Amino acid sequence: MDDVLIGRIKLEDQPDAIQSACRLAIYEQACKILDLETKIERRAAIARTPEKLRPHIEKEVMRVWRMRNGQS
C-alpha cells in the first residue's frame, strides 16, 4: 500500500484488496486539497502528488467537490 501512495507503483496494477485499502487515503488527501484556501494552492497540491497516483487524486477531488456542492 505504501508503494502505491508514494507513487512507486500504479494503483490499478494492485489486487482489489490493496486498491480498496488505498481508497481511504486517496479520499483523505482529496479532502485536504479541497480544504486549501485558494485554487492556486489546490492546483499546487495536486501537482505535488506522485505522477502515478495523481489521476486518482484528481478524480476523487472532483467527486468530493461535486458531492459537497450538491452536484451529481
N, C-alpha and C. Protein backbone atom coordinates (compact mmCIF):
# COMPACT_ATOMS: atom_id res chain seq x y z
N MET A 1 0.83 -1.19 0.00
CA MET A 1 0.00 0.00 0.00
C MET A 1 0.87 1.25 0.00
N ASP A 2 1.92 1.26 0.81
CA ASP A 2 2.80 2.42 0.86
C ASP A 2 3.41 2.72 -0.50
N ASP A 3 3.77 1.67 -1.23
CA ASP A 3 4.37 1.87 -2.55
C ASP A 3 3.41 2.57 -3.51
N VAL A 4 2.13 2.28 -3.38
CA VAL A 4 1.12 2.95 -4.21
C VAL A 4 1.02 4.41 -3.80
N LEU A 5 0.94 4.68 -2.52
CA LEU A 5 0.69 6.04 -2.04
C LEU A 5 1.88 6.98 -2.23
N ILE A 6 3.08 6.43 -2.37
CA ILE A 6 4.23 7.29 -2.66
C ILE A 6 4.55 7.32 -4.15
N GLY A 7 3.75 6.63 -4.95
CA GLY A 7 3.88 6.68 -6.39
C GLY A 7 4.92 5.75 -6.98
N ARG A 8 5.35 4.79 -6.23
CA ARG A 8 6.34 3.84 -6.74
C ARG A 8 5.71 2.84 -7.71
N ILE A 9 4.46 2.45 -7.43
CA ILE A 9 3.74 1.51 -8.30
C ILE A 9 2.34 2.03 -8.56
N LYS A 10 1.74 1.58 -9.65
CA LYS A 10 0.40 2.03 -10.03
C LYS A 10 -0.68 1.33 -9.21
N LEU A 11 -1.68 2.09 -8.83
CA LEU A 11 -2.81 1.56 -8.07
C LEU A 11 -3.52 0.46 -8.85
N GLU A 12 -3.76 0.70 -10.13
CA GLU A 12 -4.55 -0.24 -10.92
C GLU A 12 -3.84 -1.58 -11.16
N ASP A 13 -2.54 -1.63 -10.88
CA ASP A 13 -1.81 -2.89 -11.03
C ASP A 13 -1.85 -3.76 -9.77
N GLN A 14 -2.51 -3.27 -8.73
CA GLN A 14 -2.54 -3.96 -7.45
C GLN A 14 -3.82 -4.78 -7.30
N PRO A 15 -3.80 -5.79 -6.42
CA PRO A 15 -5.01 -6.58 -6.16
C PRO A 15 -6.12 -5.69 -5.59
N ASP A 16 -7.34 -6.17 -5.73
CA ASP A 16 -8.50 -5.41 -5.26
C ASP A 16 -8.40 -5.01 -3.79
N ALA A 17 -7.87 -5.87 -2.96
CA ALA A 17 -7.76 -5.57 -1.53
C ALA A 17 -6.86 -4.36 -1.28
N ILE A 18 -5.77 -4.26 -2.00
CA ILE A 18 -4.86 -3.12 -1.83
C ILE A 18 -5.52 -1.86 -2.39
N GLN A 19 -6.17 -1.98 -3.52
CA GLN A 19 -6.87 -0.83 -4.10
C GLN A 19 -7.91 -0.30 -3.12
N SER A 20 -8.65 -1.20 -2.52
CA SER A 20 -9.66 -0.81 -1.56
C SER A 20 -9.05 -0.11 -0.35
N ALA A 21 -7.95 -0.63 0.14
CA ALA A 21 -7.29 -0.03 1.30
C ALA A 21 -6.76 1.36 0.97
N CYS A 22 -6.36 1.59 -0.26
CA CYS A 22 -5.82 2.89 -0.66
C CYS A 22 -6.92 3.94 -0.84
N ARG A 23 -8.13 3.53 -1.04
CA ARG A 23 -9.21 4.48 -1.31
C ARG A 23 -9.42 5.48 -0.17
N LEU A 24 -9.30 5.02 1.06
CA LEU A 24 -9.47 5.93 2.20
C LEU A 24 -8.38 7.00 2.20
N ALA A 25 -7.14 6.61 1.96
CA ALA A 25 -6.04 7.58 1.91
C ALA A 25 -6.23 8.56 0.76
N ILE A 26 -6.71 8.09 -0.37
CA ILE A 26 -6.97 8.96 -1.51
C ILE A 26 -8.09 9.94 -1.18
N TYR A 27 -9.14 9.46 -0.55
CA TYR A 27 -10.25 10.33 -0.13
C TYR A 27 -9.76 11.40 0.85
N GLU A 28 -8.97 10.99 1.84
CA GLU A 28 -8.47 11.93 2.84
C GLU A 28 -7.59 12.99 2.19
N GLN A 29 -6.75 12.58 1.25
CA GLN A 29 -5.90 13.55 0.56
C GLN A 29 -6.74 14.51 -0.26
N ALA A 30 -7.77 14.02 -0.91
CA ALA A 30 -8.67 14.88 -1.70
C ALA A 30 -9.34 15.91 -0.80
N CYS A 31 -9.76 15.49 0.37
CA CYS A 31 -10.40 16.42 1.31
C CYS A 31 -9.42 17.49 1.78
N LYS A 32 -8.18 17.10 2.05
CA LYS A 32 -7.16 18.07 2.45
C LYS A 32 -6.92 19.09 1.35
N ILE A 33 -6.88 18.62 0.12
CA ILE A 33 -6.68 19.53 -1.01
C ILE A 33 -7.85 20.50 -1.12
N LEU A 34 -9.06 20.00 -1.00
CA LEU A 34 -10.23 20.87 -1.11
C LEU A 34 -10.34 21.86 0.05
N ASP A 35 -9.71 21.56 1.17
CA ASP A 35 -9.74 22.47 2.31
C ASP A 35 -8.74 23.61 2.19
N LEU A 36 -7.87 23.57 1.19
CA LEU A 36 -6.93 24.67 0.98
C LEU A 36 -7.68 25.93 0.57
N GLU A 37 -7.10 27.06 0.86
CA GLU A 37 -7.78 28.35 0.67
C GLU A 37 -8.04 28.73 -0.78
N THR A 38 -7.03 28.60 -1.64
CA THR A 38 -7.16 29.11 -3.00
C THR A 38 -7.02 28.02 -4.04
N LYS A 39 -7.50 28.34 -5.23
CA LYS A 39 -7.38 27.41 -6.35
C LYS A 39 -5.91 27.17 -6.68
N ILE A 40 -5.09 28.20 -6.55
CA ILE A 40 -3.65 28.05 -6.82
C ILE A 40 -3.03 27.05 -5.86
N GLU A 41 -3.39 27.12 -4.59
CA GLU A 41 -2.87 26.17 -3.60
C GLU A 41 -3.36 24.75 -3.89
N ARG A 42 -4.62 24.64 -4.29
CA ARG A 42 -5.16 23.32 -4.61
C ARG A 42 -4.46 22.72 -5.82
N ARG A 43 -4.25 23.52 -6.85
CA ARG A 43 -3.56 23.02 -8.05
C ARG A 43 -2.12 22.62 -7.73
N ALA A 44 -1.45 23.41 -6.88
CA ALA A 44 -0.07 23.10 -6.50
C ALA A 44 -0.01 21.78 -5.71
N ALA A 45 -0.99 21.57 -4.84
CA ALA A 45 -1.02 20.33 -4.05
C ALA A 45 -1.23 19.13 -4.96
N ILE A 46 -2.09 19.27 -5.94
CA ILE A 46 -2.32 18.18 -6.90
C ILE A 46 -1.05 17.94 -7.71
N ALA A 47 -0.38 19.00 -8.11
CA ALA A 47 0.86 18.87 -8.90
C ALA A 47 1.96 18.17 -8.11
N ARG A 48 1.96 18.31 -6.79
CA ARG A 48 2.97 17.66 -5.95
C ARG A 48 2.67 16.17 -5.72
N THR A 49 1.49 15.75 -6.08
CA THR A 49 1.10 14.34 -5.91
C THR A 49 1.93 13.48 -6.87
N PRO A 50 2.41 12.33 -6.43
CA PRO A 50 3.17 11.46 -7.33
C PRO A 50 2.40 11.18 -8.62
N GLU A 51 3.11 11.17 -9.72
CA GLU A 51 2.50 11.06 -11.04
C GLU A 51 1.59 9.85 -11.21
N LYS A 52 1.98 8.72 -10.66
CA LYS A 52 1.17 7.50 -10.81
C LYS A 52 -0.10 7.55 -9.98
N LEU A 53 -0.12 8.39 -8.95
CA LEU A 53 -1.30 8.49 -8.09
C LEU A 53 -2.18 9.69 -8.47
N ARG A 54 -1.61 10.65 -9.17
CA ARG A 54 -2.30 11.91 -9.48
C ARG A 54 -3.67 11.74 -10.13
N PRO A 55 -3.84 10.87 -11.13
CA PRO A 55 -5.17 10.75 -11.75
C PRO A 55 -6.25 10.31 -10.75
N HIS A 56 -5.87 9.49 -9.79
CA HIS A 56 -6.84 9.02 -8.80
C HIS A 56 -7.19 10.14 -7.82
N ILE A 57 -6.20 10.94 -7.45
CA ILE A 57 -6.44 12.08 -6.57
C ILE A 57 -7.32 13.11 -7.28
N GLU A 58 -7.00 13.41 -8.53
CA GLU A 58 -7.79 14.38 -9.29
C GLU A 58 -9.24 13.94 -9.40
N LYS A 59 -9.44 12.68 -9.72
CA LYS A 59 -10.80 12.15 -9.85
C LYS A 59 -11.56 12.24 -8.52
N GLU A 60 -10.87 11.91 -7.42
CA GLU A 60 -11.52 11.96 -6.11
C GLU A 60 -11.79 13.39 -5.68
N VAL A 61 -10.90 14.32 -6.00
CA VAL A 61 -11.14 15.74 -5.70
C VAL A 61 -12.42 16.19 -6.39
N MET A 62 -12.57 15.85 -7.64
CA MET A 62 -13.78 16.26 -8.37
C MET A 62 -15.03 15.59 -7.79
N ARG A 63 -14.92 14.31 -7.44
CA ARG A 63 -16.08 13.61 -6.87
C ARG A 63 -16.51 14.24 -5.56
N VAL A 64 -15.54 14.52 -4.69
CA VAL A 64 -15.86 15.11 -3.39
C VAL A 64 -16.37 16.53 -3.57
N TRP A 65 -15.77 17.29 -4.49
CA TRP A 65 -16.22 18.67 -4.74
C TRP A 65 -17.69 18.67 -5.19
N ARG A 66 -18.02 17.76 -6.12
CA ARG A 66 -19.41 17.68 -6.60
C ARG A 66 -20.35 17.30 -5.46
N MET A 67 -19.93 16.37 -4.63
CA MET A 67 -20.76 15.94 -3.51
C MET A 67 -21.00 17.11 -2.54
N ARG A 68 -19.95 17.85 -2.23
CA ARG A 68 -20.07 18.99 -1.32
C ARG A 68 -20.93 20.11 -1.89
N ASN A 69 -20.96 20.21 -3.21
CA ASN A 69 -21.70 21.30 -3.84
C ASN A 69 -23.04 20.87 -4.43
N GLY A 70 -23.50 19.71 -4.02
CA GLY A 70 -24.82 19.24 -4.40
C GLY A 70 -24.99 18.89 -5.86
N GLN A 71 -23.90 18.51 -6.52
CA GLN A 71 -23.96 18.09 -7.92
C GLN A 71 -23.76 16.59 -7.98
N SER A 72 -24.27 15.99 -9.04
CA SER A 72 -24.14 14.53 -9.18
C SER A 72 -22.83 14.14 -9.78
